[in-house]
Amino acid sequence: MKVKIKDMSVNMELGNNGVTFDVYENDETRLGDLRLGRGKVEWCKGKTKSGNGVQVNWKELLAFFDEVAAKKVEKKAAKKAVKKAAKVAVPRARKAGA
């Protein structure tokens, strides 16, 4: 995935307009714009105009990331538990067969 900054002034405090990123697939297919503002984040899929995209405030976005991170931790723990259970089951099966 390619992400391009429309405004080259990266080291700045966000003003009223914020900063907008062009987002493309690796094959140069345009996915949309991601706009970061002081009060909200907006995803404008495809050719959606700014103001008509999906908008969330920063707290909602951070809560979403926390939720995704928690799900990844749960998934990793479950996978680890399955591996551990499989390791314990194999020696027991060998002892029973001996």
C-alpha atoms as a PDB file:
ATOM      1  CA  MET A   1       0.000   0.000   0.000  1.00  0.00           C
ATOM      2  CA  LYS A   2       1.265   3.465  -0.841  1.00  0.00           C
ATOM      3  CA  VAL A   3       0.451   6.547   1.175  1.00  0.00           C
ATOM      4  CA  LYS A   4       1.344  10.002  -0.094  1.00  0.00           C
ATOM      5  CA  ILE A   5       1.187  13.295   1.752  1.00  0.00           C
ATOM      6  CA  LYS A   6      -0.593  16.037  -0.152  1.00  0.00           C
ATOM      7  CA  ASP A   7       1.047  18.796   1.918  1.00  0.00           C
ATOM      8  CA  MET A   8       4.830  18.432   2.180  1.00  0.00           C
ATOM      9  CA  SER A   9       4.954  20.434   5.435  1.00  0.00           C
ATOM     10  CA  VAL A  10       5.001  17.359   7.656  1.00  0.00           C
ATOM     11  CA  ASN A  11       6.528  18.995  10.744  1.00  0.00           C
ATOM     12  CA  MET A  12       3.594  21.218  11.679  1.00  0.00           C
ATOM     13  CA  GLU A  13       0.746  21.651  14.091  1.00  0.00           C
ATOM     14  CA  LEU A  14      -2.574  20.767  12.495  1.00  0.00           C
ATOM     15  CA  GLY A  15      -4.620  23.794  11.510  1.00  0.00           C
ATOM     16  CA  ASN A  16      -8.293  23.942  10.638  1.00  0.00           C
ATOM     17  CA  ASN A  17      -7.811  21.941   7.432  1.00  0.00           C
ATOM     18  CA  GLY A  18      -5.543  19.292   8.949  1.00  0.00           C
ATOM     19  CA  VAL A  19      -3.409  17.133   6.694  1.00  0.00           C
ATOM     20  CA  THR A  20      -4.624  14.788   3.957  1.00  0.00           C
ATOM     21  CA  PHE A  21      -2.953  11.566   2.820  1.00  0.00           C
ATOM     22  CA  ASP A  22      -3.546  10.006  -0.606  1.00  0.00           C
ATOM     23  CA  VAL A  23      -3.834   6.231  -0.179  1.00  0.00           C
ATOM     24  CA  TYR A  24      -3.102   3.865  -3.095  1.00  0.00           C
ATOM     25  CA  GLU A  25      -2.717   0.110  -3.613  1.00  0.00           C
ATOM     26  CA  ASN A  26       0.737  -1.050  -4.719  1.00  0.00           C
ATOM     27  CA  ASP A  27      -0.552  -1.229  -8.301  1.00  0.00           C
ATOM     28  CA  GLU A  28      -1.391   2.517  -8.144  1.00  0.00           C
ATOM     29  CA  THR A  29      -5.150   1.929  -7.734  1.00  0.00           C
ATOM     30  CA  ARG A  30      -6.460   4.865  -5.707  1.00  0.00           C
ATOM     31  CA  LEU A  31      -8.231   3.804  -2.508  1.00  0.00           C
ATOM     32  CA  GLY A  32      -9.097   7.240  -1.152  1.00  0.00           C
ATOM     33  CA  ASP A  33      -7.975  10.014   1.188  1.00  0.00           C
ATOM     34  CA  LEU A  34      -7.282   9.930   4.909  1.00  0.00           C
ATOM     35  CA  ARG A  35      -7.692  13.341   6.521  1.00  0.00           C
ATOM     36  CA  LEU A  36      -6.314  14.009   9.981  1.00  0.00           C
ATOM     37  CA  GLY A  37      -7.708  17.078  11.689  1.00  0.00           C
ATOM     38  CA  ARG A  38      -7.447  18.509  15.185  1.00  0.00           C
ATOM     39  CA  GLY A  39     -10.824  17.152  16.236  1.00  0.00           C
ATOM     40  CA  LYS A  40     -11.496  14.244  13.910  1.00  0.00           C
ATOM     41  CA  VAL A  41     -10.168  11.722  11.431  1.00  0.00           C
ATOM     42  CA  GLU A  42     -11.983  11.204   8.136  1.00  0.00           C
ATOM     43  CA  TRP A  43     -11.730   8.387   5.582  1.00  0.00           C
ATOM     44  CA  CYS A  44     -12.943   9.380   2.115  1.00  0.00           C
ATOM     45  CA  LYS A  45     -13.155   6.157   0.109  1.00  0.00           C
ATOM     46  CA  GLY A  46     -12.588   6.455  -3.631  1.00  0.00           C
ATOM     47  CA  LYS A  47     -13.558   9.884  -4.911  1.00  0.00           C
ATOM     48  CA  THR A  48     -15.645  10.856  -1.883  1.00  0.00           C
ATOM     49  CA  LYS A  49     -15.299  14.572  -1.151  1.00  0.00           C
ATOM     50  CA  SER A  50     -13.916  15.819   2.144  1.00  0.00           C
ATOM     51  CA  GLY A  51     -16.784  16.284   4.591  1.00  0.00           C
ATOM     52  CA  ASN A  52     -18.770  13.371   3.116  1.00  0.00           C
ATOM     53  CA  GLY A  53     -16.497  10.565   4.323  1.00  0.00           C
ATOM     54  CA  VAL A  54     -16.602   8.411   7.444  1.00  0.00           C
ATOM     55  CA  GLN A  55     -15.683  10.642  10.373  1.00  0.00           C
ATOM     56  CA  VAL A  56     -14.634   9.681  13.896  1.00  0.00           C
ATOM     57  CA  ASN A  57     -13.140  11.731  16.674  1.00  0.00           C
ATOM     58  CA  TRP A  58      -9.695  10.901  18.021  1.00  0.00           C
ATOM     59  CA  LYS A  59     -11.035   9.121  21.127  1.00  0.00           C
ATOM     60  CA  GLU A  60     -13.202   6.844  18.974  1.00  0.00           C
ATOM     61  CA  LEU A  61     -10.236   6.047  16.700  1.00  0.00           C
ATOM     62  CA  LEU A  62      -7.954   5.250  19.641  1.00  0.00           C
ATOM     63  CA  ALA A  63     -10.670   3.066  21.226  1.00  0.00           C
ATOM     64  CA  PHE A  64     -10.922   1.182  17.916  1.00  0.00           C
ATOM     65  CA  PHE A  65      -7.148   0.589  17.877  1.00  0.00           C
ATOM     66  CA  ASP A  66      -7.260  -0.589  21.504  1.00  0.00           C
ATOM     67  CA  GLU A  67     -10.041  -3.029  20.586  1.00  0.00           C
ATOM     68  CA  VAL A  68      -8.084  -4.386  17.608  1.00  0.00           C
ATOM     69  CA  ALA A  69      -4.957  -4.767  19.770  1.00  0.00           C
ATOM     70  CA  ALA A  70      -6.918  -6.631  22.467  1.00  0.00           C
ATOM     71  CA  LYS A  71      -8.356  -9.028  19.873  1.00  0.00           C
ATOM     72  CA  LYS A  72      -4.853  -9.728  18.535  1.00  0.00           C
ATOM     73  CA  VAL A  73      -3.584 -10.472  22.049  1.00  0.00           C
ATOM     74  CA  GLU A  74      -6.538 -12.830  22.663  1.00  0.00           C
ATOM     75  CA  LYS A  75      -5.959 -14.592  19.339  1.00  0.00           C
ATOM     76  CA  LYS A  76      -2.244 -14.998  20.042  1.00  0.00           C
ATOM     77  CA  ALA A  77      -2.933 -16.363  23.541  1.00  0.00           C
ATOM     78  CA  ALA A  78      -5.492 -18.832  22.174  1.00  0.00           C
ATOM     79  CA  LYS A  79      -3.063 -20.025  19.502  1.00  0.00           C
ATOM     80  CA  LYS A  80      -0.343 -20.460  22.116  1.00  0.00           C
ATOM     81  CA  ALA A  81      -2.728 -22.449  24.357  1.00  0.00           C
ATOM     82  CA  VAL A  82      -3.611 -24.790  21.471  1.00  0.00           C
ATOM     83  CA  LYS A  83       0.076 -25.425  20.754  1.00  0.00           C
ATOM     84  CA  LYS A  84       0.756 -26.074  24.434  1.00  0.00           C
ATOM     85  CA  ALA A  85      -2.188 -28.482  24.669  1.00  0.00           C
ATOM     86  CA  ALA A  86      -0.962 -30.327  21.568  1.00  0.00           C
ATOM     87  CA  LYS A  87       2.521 -30.728  23.075  1.00  0.00           C
ATOM     88  CA  VAL A  88       1.068 -32.131  26.301  1.00  0.00           C
ATOM     89  CA  ALA A  89      -1.266 -34.518  24.442  1.00  0.00           C
ATOM     90  CA  VAL A  90       1.500 -36.084  22.314  1.00  0.00           C
ATOM     91  CA  PRO A  91       3.637 -37.391  25.215  1.00  0.00           C
ATOM     92  CA  ARG A  92       0.521 -38.766  26.952  1.00  0.00           C
ATOM     93  CA  ALA A  93      -0.455 -40.641  23.789  1.00  0.00           C
ATOM     94  CA  ARG A  94       3.067 -42.110  23.514  1.00  0.00           C
ATOM     95  CA  LYS A  95       3.006 -43.273  27.162  1.00  0.00           C
ATOM     96  CA  ALA A  96      -0.372 -44.934  26.662  1.00  0.00           C
ATOM     97  CA  GLY A  97       0.883 -46.768  23.569  1.00  0.00           C
ATOM     98  CA  ALA A  98       4.082 -47.991  25.258  1.00  0.00           C
END
